[in-house]
Amino acid sequence: MFNRAQKPNLSTQPLLVFDTHPIQYRSPVFRQLAKIDHTLKVYFFNSEFDSSKFWFHEVGKSSQNNFGVPLETGFINEILYLSQLGWLRRYSLLKEVVEKEKPRAILIFGYYLPEHWMLRLISQRLKVPLIFVGETYSRGEITSWRRYVKEAVTRYFFGGVSQFISIGKKNWKFYRSWNVPAEKITQAHYCVDNDFFKLSKEDSKKIRESVREELGIPPDAFVILYVGRLFSRKRPKDVLQLHERFSSYQSVHTILVGSGEMESDLKEASRNLKNCHLVGFKNQEQTKEYYHVADMLFVPSEYETWGLVVNEAMASGIPAVVTEKCGAAHDLVLPNETGFVFREGDLDAAESMVRILITNPERRFRLSENAKRHVNGDYTPEHFAKSIYHASR
């Protein structure tokens, strides 16, 4: 065991990041972080995420998909394969890693896994500062005994955190609602690799034309895009209902990209809908093409901790219409500047907002340019990496 009272040299002590598995939107952040912090080491609990666990919102309903982009290059990392071990052995292995590395800080994403709690205990025992990145933005309404249990558990966990990283305004307010001091919160901006989704005007035009031709969409049609898992929480049926409201518009098409438990039901429901295209799961490279085919992104979810598809859409140059339950609402989606925000389930409001984009090309172009400029400001892997580095010092 090491003793942090021995005047540690922060320039040589590593920053340890522990994550569930390689994730397509975190790897770019780790690559940027490795450029400014050469001590960085990332440990993954497992090679893939096990969606069958009870703490995952869509229990047992998520298939493993290949996103088609490199996730383990550009930074030092190791997969621990903890799912193959019992809980005591997992704890021992994590403790061995921390004792061996003698880090200046440990960073974790969330507190919903047993491994997160193990690291919370290990960091306290070894007196290593713990940095916490969470996505939650609402404490919600919990009744009966569950409320008291959740409050006690959360307060205990947060009591062992040295620094918090907020991904946006709502997440900041969530921390403050638990009386986390403002000086212990580092503000960051949730991000994707914007450069990955950018295309030259010429390449964007070529893809737009070729994919539209493949789907039978006229060059001058207005395209509404949905990207996400087909689960009830994301309300994909609202996408079909919105599409029906524009059935009299021959030039309006809707594309749904994604897979999930509702896929067969949605295909059946859309069977008699003209100009509605369900294209199934697409990897990152393929999804990028659909952003350049579309004119706007529609996010009707009843709850999104953030909604990184909004980042992807804006990086590709299209505005978004999202529910207020989307974490990115009012951070990325600035009403009438980079898109529109409506109440969950209020399709009358959503319809009026989409109609503005359909009938006013000049306004749509202005929102598109604003969206692209806004997301390319601070919503980048470089900015997020600097926030982590700052919190670790």
Protein backbone atom coordinates (compact mmCIF):
# COMPACT_ATOMS: atom_id res chain seq x y z
CA MET A 1 0.00 0.00 0.00
CA PHE A 2 1.23 3.50 -0.76
CA ASN A 3 0.96 6.65 1.26
CA ARG A 4 -0.09 9.87 -0.50
CA ALA A 5 1.46 11.87 2.35
CA GLN A 6 4.89 11.09 0.86
CA LYS A 7 4.86 14.25 -1.32
CA PRO A 8 3.81 12.56 -4.57
CA ASN A 9 5.12 13.77 -7.89
CA LEU A 10 1.96 14.58 -9.85
CA SER A 11 3.91 14.70 -13.12
CA THR A 12 4.66 10.98 -12.90
CA GLN A 13 1.68 9.62 -10.99
CA PRO A 14 -0.87 8.32 -13.48
CA LEU A 15 -4.49 9.25 -13.85
CA LEU A 16 -6.47 6.01 -13.89
CA VAL A 17 -9.77 5.90 -15.77
CA PHE A 18 -12.08 2.96 -15.21
CA ASP A 19 -14.89 2.42 -17.70
CA THR A 20 -17.41 -0.31 -18.37
CA HIS A 21 -16.18 -1.22 -21.88
CA PRO A 22 -14.83 0.51 -25.01
CA ILE A 23 -17.47 3.09 -26.05
CA GLN A 24 -17.50 4.91 -29.38
CA TYR A 25 -18.03 8.41 -27.96
CA ARG A 26 -15.57 8.12 -25.07
CA SER A 27 -12.58 6.81 -27.01
CA PRO A 28 -12.03 10.17 -28.78
CA VAL A 29 -11.95 11.86 -25.36
CA PHE A 30 -9.39 9.35 -24.08
CA ARG A 31 -7.24 9.91 -27.17
CA GLN A 32 -7.26 13.67 -26.60
CA LEU A 33 -6.61 13.22 -22.87
CA ALA A 34 -3.60 11.04 -23.64
CA LYS A 35 -2.13 13.91 -25.67
CA ILE A 36 -2.16 16.30 -22.70
CA ASP A 37 -1.61 13.73 -19.95
CA HIS A 38 0.97 11.11 -20.88
CA THR A 39 0.37 9.28 -17.60
CA LEU A 40 -3.20 8.31 -18.57
CA LYS A 41 -4.15 4.66 -18.27
CA VAL A 42 -7.64 3.37 -19.04
CA TYR A 43 -8.96 0.12 -17.60
CA PHE A 44 -12.14 -1.42 -19.01
CA PHE A 45 -14.15 -3.74 -16.80
CA ASN A 46 -15.11 -5.89 -19.79
CA SER A 47 -14.82 -5.95 -23.58
CA GLU A 48 -18.60 -5.51 -24.07
CA PHE A 49 -21.51 -4.09 -22.09
CA ASP A 50 -23.87 -6.62 -20.53
CA SER A 51 -27.32 -5.10 -21.09
CA SER A 52 -29.02 -8.01 -19.32
CA LYS A 53 -28.20 -6.54 -15.91
CA PHE A 54 -31.03 -5.08 -13.83
CA TRP A 55 -29.54 -1.58 -13.73
CA PHE A 56 -29.81 -1.16 -17.50
CA HIS A 57 -33.02 0.65 -18.48
CA GLU A 58 -33.89 -1.76 -21.28
CA VAL A 59 -33.16 -5.04 -19.48
CA GLY A 60 -32.20 -7.85 -21.84
CA LYS A 61 -33.48 -5.96 -24.87
CA SER A 62 -30.26 -4.60 -26.30
CA SER A 63 -28.18 -6.57 -28.75
CA GLN A 64 -24.44 -6.11 -29.09
CA ASN A 65 -23.74 -4.01 -32.18
CA ASN A 66 -20.51 -3.34 -34.03
CA PHE A 67 -20.17 0.41 -34.44
CA GLY A 68 -17.46 0.04 -37.07
CA VAL A 69 -14.93 2.49 -35.56
CA PRO A 70 -11.67 1.85 -33.62
CA LEU A 71 -12.26 2.11 -29.88
CA GLU A 72 -8.98 1.03 -28.28
CA THR A 73 -6.35 3.00 -30.18
CA GLY A 74 -4.49 6.18 -29.27
CA PHE A 75 -4.29 5.64 -25.49
CA ILE A 76 -2.90 3.04 -23.09
CA ASN A 77 -5.65 0.66 -22.05
CA GLU A 78 -6.35 -2.80 -20.71
CA ILE A 79 -9.48 -4.97 -20.47
CA LEU A 80 -9.85 -6.68 -17.08
CA TYR A 81 -12.64 -9.14 -18.03
CA LEU A 82 -14.23 -8.81 -14.60
CA SER A 83 -17.48 -10.52 -15.62
CA GLN A 84 -15.57 -13.81 -15.54
CA LEU A 85 -14.75 -13.34 -11.85
CA GLY A 86 -16.66 -13.50 -8.59
CA TRP A 87 -17.25 -10.29 -6.66
CA LEU A 88 -14.45 -10.82 -4.13
CA ARG A 89 -11.96 -11.54 -6.88
CA ARG A 90 -13.12 -8.44 -8.79
CA TYR A 91 -12.52 -6.29 -5.74
CA SER A 92 -9.09 -7.83 -5.18
CA LEU A 93 -8.07 -7.31 -8.80
CA LEU A 94 -9.19 -3.67 -8.84
CA LYS A 95 -7.34 -3.05 -5.59
CA GLU A 96 -4.22 -4.70 -7.00
CA VAL A 97 -4.36 -2.42 -10.05
CA VAL A 98 -4.68 0.73 -7.93
CA GLU A 99 -1.92 -0.32 -5.53
CA LYS A 100 0.38 -1.15 -8.43
CA GLU A 101 -0.27 2.09 -10.39
CA LYS A 102 -0.19 4.47 -7.38
CA PRO A 103 -2.42 6.99 -9.21
CA ARG A 104 -2.87 10.65 -8.38
CA ALA A 105 -6.61 10.18 -9.04
CA ILE A 106 -9.22 7.65 -10.20
CA LEU A 107 -12.02 8.59 -12.59
CA ILE A 108 -15.23 6.59 -12.99
CA PHE A 109 -18.40 7.04 -15.05
CA GLY A 110 -21.48 6.51 -12.90
CA TYR A 111 -22.28 4.53 -9.77
CA TYR A 112 -24.66 1.86 -11.06
CA LEU A 113 -22.25 -1.08 -11.23
CA PRO A 114 -20.75 -3.11 -8.37
CA GLU A 115 -17.32 -2.20 -9.75
CA HIS A 116 -18.07 1.50 -9.24
CA TRP A 117 -18.79 0.85 -5.57
CA MET A 118 -15.68 -1.26 -5.24
CA LEU A 119 -13.58 1.60 -6.58
CA ARG A 120 -15.39 4.02 -4.27
CA LEU A 121 -14.27 1.88 -1.30
CA ILE A 122 -10.77 1.29 -2.68
CA SER A 123 -10.18 5.00 -3.30
CA GLN A 124 -11.23 5.79 0.27
CA ARG A 125 -9.11 3.04 1.75
CA LEU A 126 -6.01 3.98 -0.22
CA LYS A 127 -6.68 7.72 0.06
CA VAL A 128 -6.78 8.29 -3.69
CA PRO A 129 -8.97 11.18 -4.94
CA LEU A 130 -12.06 9.94 -6.79
CA ILE A 131 -13.41 11.85 -9.81
CA PHE A 132 -17.02 11.19 -10.78
CA VAL A 133 -18.65 11.71 -14.18
CA GLY A 134 -22.42 11.22 -14.08
CA GLU A 135 -25.20 11.71 -16.61
CA THR A 136 -28.26 12.01 -14.34
CA TYR A 137 -30.04 15.36 -14.36
CA SER A 138 -33.10 14.79 -12.19
CA ARG A 139 -33.59 13.32 -8.73
CA GLY A 140 -37.10 12.34 -9.82
CA GLU A 141 -40.08 11.54 -7.66
CA ILE A 142 -39.53 8.40 -5.62
CA THR A 143 -42.17 7.26 -3.17
CA SER A 144 -42.18 5.13 -0.02
CA TRP A 145 -39.09 3.48 1.40
CA ARG A 146 -37.18 3.56 -1.91
CA ARG A 147 -36.77 7.31 -1.61
CA TYR A 148 -34.96 7.04 1.72
CA VAL A 149 -32.78 4.17 0.54
CA LYS A 150 -31.78 6.02 -2.63
CA GLU A 151 -31.02 9.19 -0.73
CA ALA A 152 -28.88 7.38 1.83
CA VAL A 153 -27.01 5.43 -0.85
CA THR A 154 -26.38 8.46 -3.06
CA ARG A 155 -25.24 10.66 -0.19
CA TYR A 156 -22.83 7.96 0.95
CA PHE A 157 -21.35 7.51 -2.53
CA PHE A 158 -21.05 11.24 -3.22
CA GLY A 159 -19.42 11.68 0.17
CA GLY A 160 -16.37 9.83 -1.13
CA VAL A 161 -16.03 11.84 -4.36
CA SER A 162 -13.32 14.50 -4.53
CA GLN A 163 -14.33 16.12 -7.81
CA PHE A 164 -17.47 15.96 -9.96
CA ILE A 165 -17.60 16.59 -13.69
CA SER A 166 -20.89 17.96 -15.03
CA ILE A 167 -21.81 17.20 -18.65
CA GLY A 168 -24.30 20.07 -18.92
CA LYS A 169 -26.58 22.51 -17.11
CA LYS A 170 -29.10 19.91 -15.93
CA ASN A 171 -26.36 17.65 -14.62
CA TRP A 172 -24.83 20.61 -12.75
CA LYS A 173 -28.18 21.33 -11.08
CA PHE A 174 -28.46 17.65 -10.13
CA TYR A 175 -25.15 17.78 -8.25
CA ARG A 176 -26.11 21.00 -6.55
CA SER A 177 -29.45 19.46 -5.48
CA TRP A 178 -27.35 17.01 -3.45
CA ASN A 179 -25.50 19.94 -1.89
CA VAL A 180 -22.29 19.27 -3.76
CA PRO A 181 -20.21 22.48 -3.38
CA ALA A 182 -19.80 24.40 -6.64
CA GLU A 183 -16.01 24.39 -6.20
CA LYS A 184 -16.04 20.59 -6.38
CA ILE A 185 -17.76 20.60 -9.79
CA THR A 186 -15.82 20.97 -13.03
CA GLN A 187 -18.01 22.04 -15.92
CA ALA A 188 -17.59 20.14 -19.15
CA HIS A 189 -19.62 19.62 -22.31
CA TYR A 190 -20.72 16.18 -23.46
CA CYS A 191 -19.36 15.46 -26.88
CA VAL A 192 -18.71 13.18 -29.81
CA ASP A 193 -15.90 13.25 -32.36
CA ASN A 194 -17.28 16.14 -34.43
CA ASP A 195 -14.62 15.74 -37.11
CA PHE A 196 -15.83 12.20 -37.79
CA PHE A 197 -19.25 13.47 -38.82
CA LYS A 198 -18.04 16.36 -40.96
CA LEU A 199 -17.92 16.02 -44.72
CA SER A 200 -16.88 18.40 -47.45
CA LYS A 201 -19.75 20.05 -49.33
CA GLU A 202 -18.95 17.90 -52.35
CA ASP A 203 -18.90 14.61 -50.41
CA SER A 204 -22.03 15.56 -48.47
CA LYS A 205 -23.85 16.30 -51.72
CA LYS A 206 -22.78 12.98 -53.26
CA ILE A 207 -23.94 10.95 -50.26
CA ARG A 208 -27.17 12.91 -50.01
CA GLU A 209 -27.96 12.17 -53.63
CA SER A 210 -26.92 8.51 -53.66
CA VAL A 211 -28.71 7.45 -50.44
CA ARG A 212 -31.84 9.36 -51.38
CA GLU A 213 -31.85 7.65 -54.77
CA GLU A 214 -31.43 4.27 -53.04
CA LEU A 215 -34.43 4.95 -50.77
CA GLY A 216 -36.55 6.57 -53.47
CA ILE A 217 -36.45 10.02 -51.87
CA PRO A 218 -36.60 12.98 -54.30
CA PRO A 219 -33.65 15.41 -54.20
CA ASP A 220 -35.89 18.29 -53.08
CA ALA A 221 -37.79 16.35 -50.38
CA PHE A 222 -37.65 17.37 -46.71
CA VAL A 223 -36.31 14.49 -44.57
CA ILE A 224 -37.04 14.00 -40.86
CA LEU A 225 -34.51 11.71 -39.17
CA TYR A 226 -34.73 9.57 -36.03
CA VAL A 227 -31.58 7.81 -34.76
CA GLY A 228 -31.70 5.58 -31.70
CA ARG A 229 -32.74 2.31 -30.15
CA LEU A 230 -36.33 1.33 -30.77
CA PHE A 231 -37.44 1.18 -27.13
CA SER A 232 -40.63 2.58 -25.58
CA ARG A 233 -38.67 5.11 -23.50
CA LYS A 234 -37.51 6.78 -26.70
CA ARG A 235 -41.11 6.98 -28.03
CA PRO A 236 -40.38 5.99 -31.66
CA LYS A 237 -44.14 5.71 -32.28
CA ASP A 238 -44.23 9.50 -31.96
CA VAL A 239 -41.99 9.62 -35.02
CA LEU A 240 -44.60 7.74 -37.06
CA GLN A 241 -47.39 9.93 -35.69
CA LEU A 242 -45.45 13.06 -36.59
CA HIS A 243 -44.89 11.66 -40.06
CA GLU A 244 -48.64 11.03 -40.49
CA ARG A 245 -49.33 14.69 -39.75
CA PHE A 246 -47.39 15.58 -42.88
CA SER A 247 -49.02 12.92 -45.07
CA SER A 248 -50.48 15.63 -47.32
CA TYR A 249 -46.95 16.83 -48.03
CA GLN A 250 -45.68 14.69 -50.87
CA SER A 251 -42.21 16.10 -50.31
CA VAL A 252 -41.83 15.00 -46.65
CA HIS A 253 -40.02 11.73 -45.90
CA THR A 254 -39.05 10.18 -42.56
CA ILE A 255 -36.12 7.84 -41.85
CA LEU A 256 -35.75 5.77 -38.67
CA VAL A 257 -32.25 4.41 -38.00
CA GLY A 258 -32.00 1.86 -35.20
CA SER A 259 -33.06 -1.51 -33.85
CA GLY A 260 -34.72 -2.81 -30.69
CA GLU A 261 -37.70 -4.54 -29.17
CA MET A 262 -40.25 -2.35 -31.00
CA GLU A 263 -38.78 -2.87 -34.45
CA SER A 264 -41.32 -5.40 -35.72
CA ASP A 265 -44.28 -3.41 -34.32
CA LEU A 266 -43.02 -0.23 -35.94
CA LYS A 267 -42.54 -1.94 -39.28
CA GLU A 268 -46.12 -3.20 -39.11
CA ALA A 269 -47.42 0.23 -38.08
CA SER A 270 -45.56 1.92 -40.94
CA ARG A 271 -46.62 -0.59 -43.58
CA ASN A 272 -49.34 1.70 -44.94
CA LEU A 273 -47.43 4.94 -44.45
CA LYS A 274 -46.00 6.49 -47.58
CA ASN A 275 -42.50 7.94 -47.56
CA CYS A 276 -41.55 6.32 -44.23
CA HIS A 277 -38.30 4.34 -44.18
CA LEU A 278 -37.15 2.00 -41.38
CA VAL A 279 -33.57 1.08 -42.24
CA GLY A 280 -32.54 -0.87 -39.10
CA PHE A 281 -29.26 -0.65 -37.19
CA LYS A 282 -26.37 1.15 -38.87
CA ASN A 283 -22.79 1.49 -37.64
CA GLN A 284 -21.20 4.88 -37.10
CA GLU A 285 -19.91 5.23 -40.65
CA GLN A 286 -23.32 4.38 -42.09
CA THR A 287 -25.22 6.55 -39.61
CA LYS A 288 -23.07 9.51 -40.61
CA GLU A 289 -24.45 9.23 -44.13
CA TYR A 290 -28.05 9.50 -42.93
CA TYR A 291 -27.32 12.75 -41.10
CA HIS A 292 -26.18 14.21 -44.42
CA VAL A 293 -29.27 12.84 -46.14
CA ALA A 294 -31.64 14.46 -43.61
CA ASP A 295 -32.78 18.04 -42.97
CA MET A 296 -33.43 17.74 -39.23
CA LEU A 297 -33.21 15.33 -36.29
CA PHE A 298 -36.26 14.44 -34.19
CA VAL A 299 -35.79 13.22 -30.58
CA PRO A 300 -39.19 12.48 -28.90
CA SER A 301 -37.79 10.59 -25.88
CA GLU A 302 -39.51 10.62 -22.50
CA TYR A 303 -36.03 10.67 -20.95
CA GLU A 304 -32.50 11.08 -22.29
CA THR A 305 -29.59 11.65 -19.92
CA TRP A 306 -28.09 13.72 -22.75
CA GLY A 307 -28.80 12.56 -26.30
CA LEU A 308 -25.49 12.36 -28.14
CA VAL A 309 -27.32 11.91 -31.44
CA VAL A 310 -27.97 15.66 -31.14
CA ASN A 311 -24.20 16.28 -31.13
CA GLU A 312 -23.82 14.01 -34.15
CA ALA A 313 -26.60 15.73 -36.07
CA MET A 314 -25.33 19.23 -35.38
CA ALA A 315 -21.76 18.25 -36.24
CA SER A 316 -23.20 17.03 -39.56
CA GLY A 317 -24.93 20.36 -40.08
CA ILE A 318 -28.62 19.83 -39.26
CA PRO A 319 -30.78 21.27 -36.44
CA ALA A 320 -32.71 19.19 -33.89
CA VAL A 321 -36.23 19.17 -32.48
CA VAL A 322 -36.14 17.49 -29.06
CA THR A 323 -38.23 17.04 -25.92
CA GLU A 324 -37.47 19.00 -22.76
CA LYS A 325 -36.65 15.62 -21.19
CA CYS A 326 -33.52 15.46 -23.35
CA GLY A 327 -30.41 16.36 -21.35
CA ALA A 328 -29.02 18.35 -24.28
CA ALA A 329 -32.10 20.62 -24.31
CA HIS A 330 -31.04 24.23 -23.64
CA ASP A 331 -27.34 23.29 -23.73
CA LEU A 332 -26.97 22.24 -27.33
CA VAL A 333 -30.54 22.83 -28.48
CA LEU A 334 -31.09 26.55 -28.09
CA PRO A 335 -34.74 27.30 -29.00
CA ASN A 336 -35.04 29.05 -32.36
CA GLU A 337 -31.26 29.23 -32.65
CA THR A 338 -29.99 25.66 -33.13
CA GLY A 339 -33.36 23.86 -33.03
CA PHE A 340 -36.54 23.62 -30.98
CA VAL A 341 -37.62 22.12 -27.65
CA PHE A 342 -41.13 20.77 -26.93
CA ARG A 343 -42.91 18.98 -24.10
CA GLU A 344 -42.83 15.20 -24.20
CA GLY A 345 -45.83 13.88 -26.14
CA ASP A 346 -46.94 17.32 -27.36
CA LEU A 347 -47.00 16.50 -31.05
CA ASP A 348 -49.02 19.61 -31.85
CA ALA A 349 -46.06 21.72 -30.73
CA ALA A 350 -43.58 19.43 -32.48
CA GLU A 351 -45.60 19.63 -35.69
CA SER A 352 -45.57 23.43 -35.66
CA MET A 353 -41.82 23.49 -35.09
CA VAL A 354 -41.12 21.04 -37.91
CA ARG A 355 -43.47 22.96 -40.18
CA ILE A 356 -41.32 26.05 -39.67
CA LEU A 357 -38.29 24.15 -40.93
CA ILE A 358 -40.20 22.70 -43.88
CA THR A 359 -41.76 25.94 -45.09
CA ASN A 360 -38.91 28.34 -44.41
CA PRO A 361 -35.68 27.15 -46.08
CA GLU A 362 -33.80 30.34 -45.18
CA ARG A 363 -34.60 29.92 -41.49
CA ARG A 364 -33.68 26.24 -41.67
CA PHE A 365 -30.33 27.16 -43.19
CA ARG A 366 -29.71 29.71 -40.42
CA LEU A 367 -30.48 27.15 -37.71
CA SER A 368 -28.27 24.59 -39.44
CA GLU A 369 -25.33 26.97 -39.55
CA ASN A 370 -25.89 27.98 -35.92
CA ALA A 371 -26.04 24.33 -34.86
CA LYS A 372 -22.79 23.49 -36.62
CA ARG A 373 -21.00 26.49 -35.16
CA HIS A 374 -22.36 25.88 -31.64
CA VAL A 375 -21.38 22.20 -31.41
CA ASN A 376 -17.92 22.93 -32.78
CA GLY A 377 -17.30 25.44 -30.00
CA ASP A 378 -16.83 23.75 -26.65
CA TYR A 379 -18.62 20.46 -27.37
CA THR A 380 -15.48 18.65 -28.45
CA PRO A 381 -13.31 15.79 -27.17
CA GLU A 382 -10.48 18.30 -26.66
CA HIS A 383 -12.59 20.42 -24.31
CA PHE A 384 -13.89 17.41 -22.37
CA ALA A 385 -10.36 16.04 -22.02
CA LYS A 386 -9.12 19.37 -20.64
CA SER A 387 -11.96 19.33 -18.08
CA ILE A 388 -10.92 15.89 -16.89
CA TYR A 389 -7.27 16.92 -16.73
CA HIS A 390 -8.16 20.03 -14.73
CA ALA A 391 -10.25 17.99 -12.26
CA SER A 392 -7.39 15.52 -11.79
CA ARG A 393 -4.85 18.17 -10.74
